[in-house]
């Protein structure tokens, strides 16, 4: 007796998200979460409070909270660049 292959067998999460129409949104959320995590880690390594970090960025704590919120994707490249610079890092972007 021949087994029927499941229609999604061998497919990837990426394939599923593309088929479902959610790939771009999921990718943006994932990138934002990684950036927020990296910034929080760098702040901890430098023992920077949110108030100190905001001052280094020349912005408000509220704006910094938006940068560090992995669910908030509405952050400008300029703000991300200032955040990276404040922790001694650089922001790199690329088209793939």
C-alpha atoms as a PDB file:
ATOM      1  CA  UNK A   1       0.000   0.000   0.000  1.00  0.00           C
ATOM      2  CA  UNK A   2       1.426   3.360  -1.041  1.00  0.00           C
ATOM      3  CA  UNK A   3       1.367   6.145   1.558  1.00  0.00           C
ATOM      4  CA  UNK A   4      -0.067   9.478   0.521  1.00  0.00           C
ATOM      5  CA  UNK A   5       2.407  12.295   0.939  1.00  0.00           C
ATOM      6  CA  UNK A   6       1.155  15.220   3.003  1.00  0.00           C
ATOM      7  CA  UNK A   7       0.840  18.307   0.761  1.00  0.00           C
ATOM      8  CA  UNK A   8       3.095  20.389   3.054  1.00  0.00           C
ATOM      9  CA  UNK A   9       5.724  17.715   3.652  1.00  0.00           C
ATOM     10  CA  UNK A  10       9.167  19.051   2.902  1.00  0.00           C
ATOM     11  CA  UNK A  11       8.051  22.666   2.744  1.00  0.00           C
ATOM     12  CA  UNK A  12       9.702  25.338   4.856  1.00  0.00           C
ATOM     13  CA  UNK A  13       8.298  28.043   7.067  1.00  0.00           C
ATOM     14  CA  UNK A  14       9.517  30.528   4.468  1.00  0.00           C
ATOM     15  CA  UNK A  15       7.536  28.688   1.768  1.00  0.00           C
ATOM     16  CA  UNK A  16       4.439  28.673   3.967  1.00  0.00           C
ATOM     17  CA  UNK A  17       4.696  32.396   4.763  1.00  0.00           C
ATOM     18  CA  UNK A  18       5.193  33.272   1.098  1.00  0.00           C
ATOM     19  CA  UNK A  19       2.206  31.144   0.098  1.00  0.00           C
ATOM     20  CA  UNK A  20       0.137  32.703   2.883  1.00  0.00           C
ATOM     21  CA  UNK A  21       1.180  36.239   1.870  1.00  0.00           C
ATOM     22  CA  UNK A  22       2.841  37.028   5.200  1.00  0.00           C
ATOM     23  CA  UNK A  23       6.517  36.591   4.353  1.00  0.00           C
ATOM     24  CA  UNK A  24       7.440  40.279   4.115  1.00  0.00           C
ATOM     25  CA  UNK A  25       5.628  41.205   7.323  1.00  0.00           C
ATOM     26  CA  UNK A  26       7.176  38.302   9.225  1.00  0.00           C
ATOM     27  CA  UNK A  27      10.635  39.224   7.942  1.00  0.00           C
ATOM     28  CA  UNK A  28      10.246  42.846   9.046  1.00  0.00           C
ATOM     29  CA  UNK A  29       9.137  41.770  12.508  1.00  0.00           C
ATOM     30  CA  UNK A  30      12.055  39.351  12.800  1.00  0.00           C
ATOM     31  CA  UNK A  31      14.586  41.999  11.742  1.00  0.00           C
ATOM     32  CA  UNK A  32      13.159  44.538  14.205  1.00  0.00           C
ATOM     33  CA  UNK A  33      13.298  41.986  17.035  1.00  0.00           C
ATOM     34  CA  UNK A  34      16.934  41.201  16.301  1.00  0.00           C
ATOM     35  CA  UNK A  35      17.889  44.888  16.196  1.00  0.00           C
ATOM     36  CA  UNK A  36      16.053  45.606  19.454  1.00  0.00           C
ATOM     37  CA  UNK A  37      17.738  42.608  21.097  1.00  0.00           C
ATOM     38  CA  UNK A  38      21.183  43.659  19.849  1.00  0.00           C
ATOM     39  CA  UNK A  39      20.699  47.207  21.132  1.00  0.00           C
ATOM     40  CA  UNK A  40      19.522  46.019  24.547  1.00  0.00           C
ATOM     41  CA  UNK A  41      22.492  43.655  24.767  1.00  0.00           C
ATOM     42  CA  UNK A  42      24.929  46.432  23.815  1.00  0.00           C
ATOM     43  CA  UNK A  43      23.325  48.766  26.363  1.00  0.00           C
ATOM     44  CA  UNK A  44      23.737  46.126  29.069  1.00  0.00           C
ATOM     45  CA  UNK A  45      27.386  45.557  28.096  1.00  0.00           C
ATOM     46  CA  UNK A  46      28.021  49.291  28.469  1.00  0.00           C
ATOM     47  CA  UNK A  47      25.839  49.502  31.594  1.00  0.00           C
ATOM     48  CA  UNK A  48      23.658  52.176  29.977  1.00  0.00           C
ATOM     49  CA  UNK A  49      20.245  52.988  31.375  1.00  0.00           C
ATOM     50  CA  UNK A  50      17.438  53.980  29.025  1.00  0.00           C
ATOM     51  CA  UNK A  51      17.787  57.573  30.191  1.00  0.00           C
ATOM     52  CA  UNK A  52      21.522  57.582  29.442  1.00  0.00           C
ATOM     53  CA  UNK A  53      20.987  55.899  26.080  1.00  0.00           C
ATOM     54  CA  UNK A  54      18.308  58.422  25.103  1.00  0.00           C
ATOM     55  CA  UNK A  55      20.660  61.275  26.032  1.00  0.00           C
ATOM     56  CA  UNK A  56      23.449  59.790  23.885  1.00  0.00           C
ATOM     57  CA  UNK A  57      20.999  59.528  20.999  1.00  0.00           C
ATOM     58  CA  UNK A  58      19.778  63.077  21.638  1.00  0.00           C
ATOM     59  CA  UNK A  59      16.203  61.853  21.811  1.00  0.00           C
ATOM     60  CA  UNK A  60      13.508  61.118  24.384  1.00  0.00           C
ATOM     61  CA  UNK A  61      13.087  57.957  26.425  1.00  0.00           C
ATOM     62  CA  UNK A  62       9.759  57.517  24.667  1.00  0.00           C
ATOM     63  CA  UNK A  63      11.479  57.411  21.268  1.00  0.00           C
ATOM     64  CA  UNK A  64      14.077  54.988  22.637  1.00  0.00           C
ATOM     65  CA  UNK A  65      11.277  52.773  23.932  1.00  0.00           C
ATOM     66  CA  UNK A  66       9.904  52.617  20.379  1.00  0.00           C
ATOM     67  CA  UNK A  67      13.327  51.569  19.111  1.00  0.00           C
ATOM     68  CA  UNK A  68      13.603  48.849  21.757  1.00  0.00           C
ATOM     69  CA  UNK A  69      10.022  47.623  21.292  1.00  0.00           C
ATOM     70  CA  UNK A  70      10.253  44.614  18.953  1.00  0.00           C
ATOM     71  CA  UNK A  71       6.596  45.030  17.982  1.00  0.00           C
ATOM     72  CA  UNK A  72       6.990  48.661  16.838  1.00  0.00           C
ATOM     73  CA  UNK A  73       8.271  48.642  13.283  1.00  0.00           C
ATOM     74  CA  UNK A  74       7.785  52.371  12.756  1.00  0.00           C
ATOM     75  CA  UNK A  75      11.354  53.533  13.441  1.00  0.00           C
ATOM     76  CA  UNK A  76      13.426  55.575  11.012  1.00  0.00           C
ATOM     77  CA  UNK A  77      16.840  54.591   9.716  1.00  0.00           C
ATOM     78  CA  UNK A  78      18.229  57.798  11.213  1.00  0.00           C
ATOM     79  CA  UNK A  79      17.007  56.779  14.659  1.00  0.00           C
ATOM     80  CA  UNK A  80      18.474  53.286  14.284  1.00  0.00           C
ATOM     81  CA  UNK A  81      21.770  54.808  13.153  1.00  0.00           C
ATOM     82  CA  UNK A  82      21.903  57.089  16.202  1.00  0.00           C
ATOM     83  CA  UNK A  83      21.107  54.145  18.485  1.00  0.00           C
ATOM     84  CA  UNK A  84      23.880  52.067  16.947  1.00  0.00           C
ATOM     85  CA  UNK A  85      26.364  54.930  17.274  1.00  0.00           C
ATOM     86  CA  UNK A  86      25.390  55.475  20.924  1.00  0.00           C
ATOM     87  CA  UNK A  87      26.525  51.922  21.769  1.00  0.00           C
ATOM     88  CA  UNK A  88      29.632  52.074  19.593  1.00  0.00           C
ATOM     89  CA  UNK A  89      28.214  50.052  16.724  1.00  0.00           C
ATOM     90  CA  UNK A  90      27.333  50.716  13.108  1.00  0.00           C
ATOM     91  CA  UNK A  91      24.092  50.015  11.305  1.00  0.00           C
ATOM     92  CA  UNK A  92      24.446  47.890   8.189  1.00  0.00           C
ATOM     93  CA  UNK A  93      21.711  47.429   5.613  1.00  0.00           C
ATOM     94  CA  UNK A  94      21.742  45.407   2.453  1.00  0.00           C
ATOM     95  CA  UNK A  95      19.474  44.419  -0.368  1.00  0.00           C
ATOM     96  CA  UNK A  96      19.326  40.678  -0.894  1.00  0.00           C
END
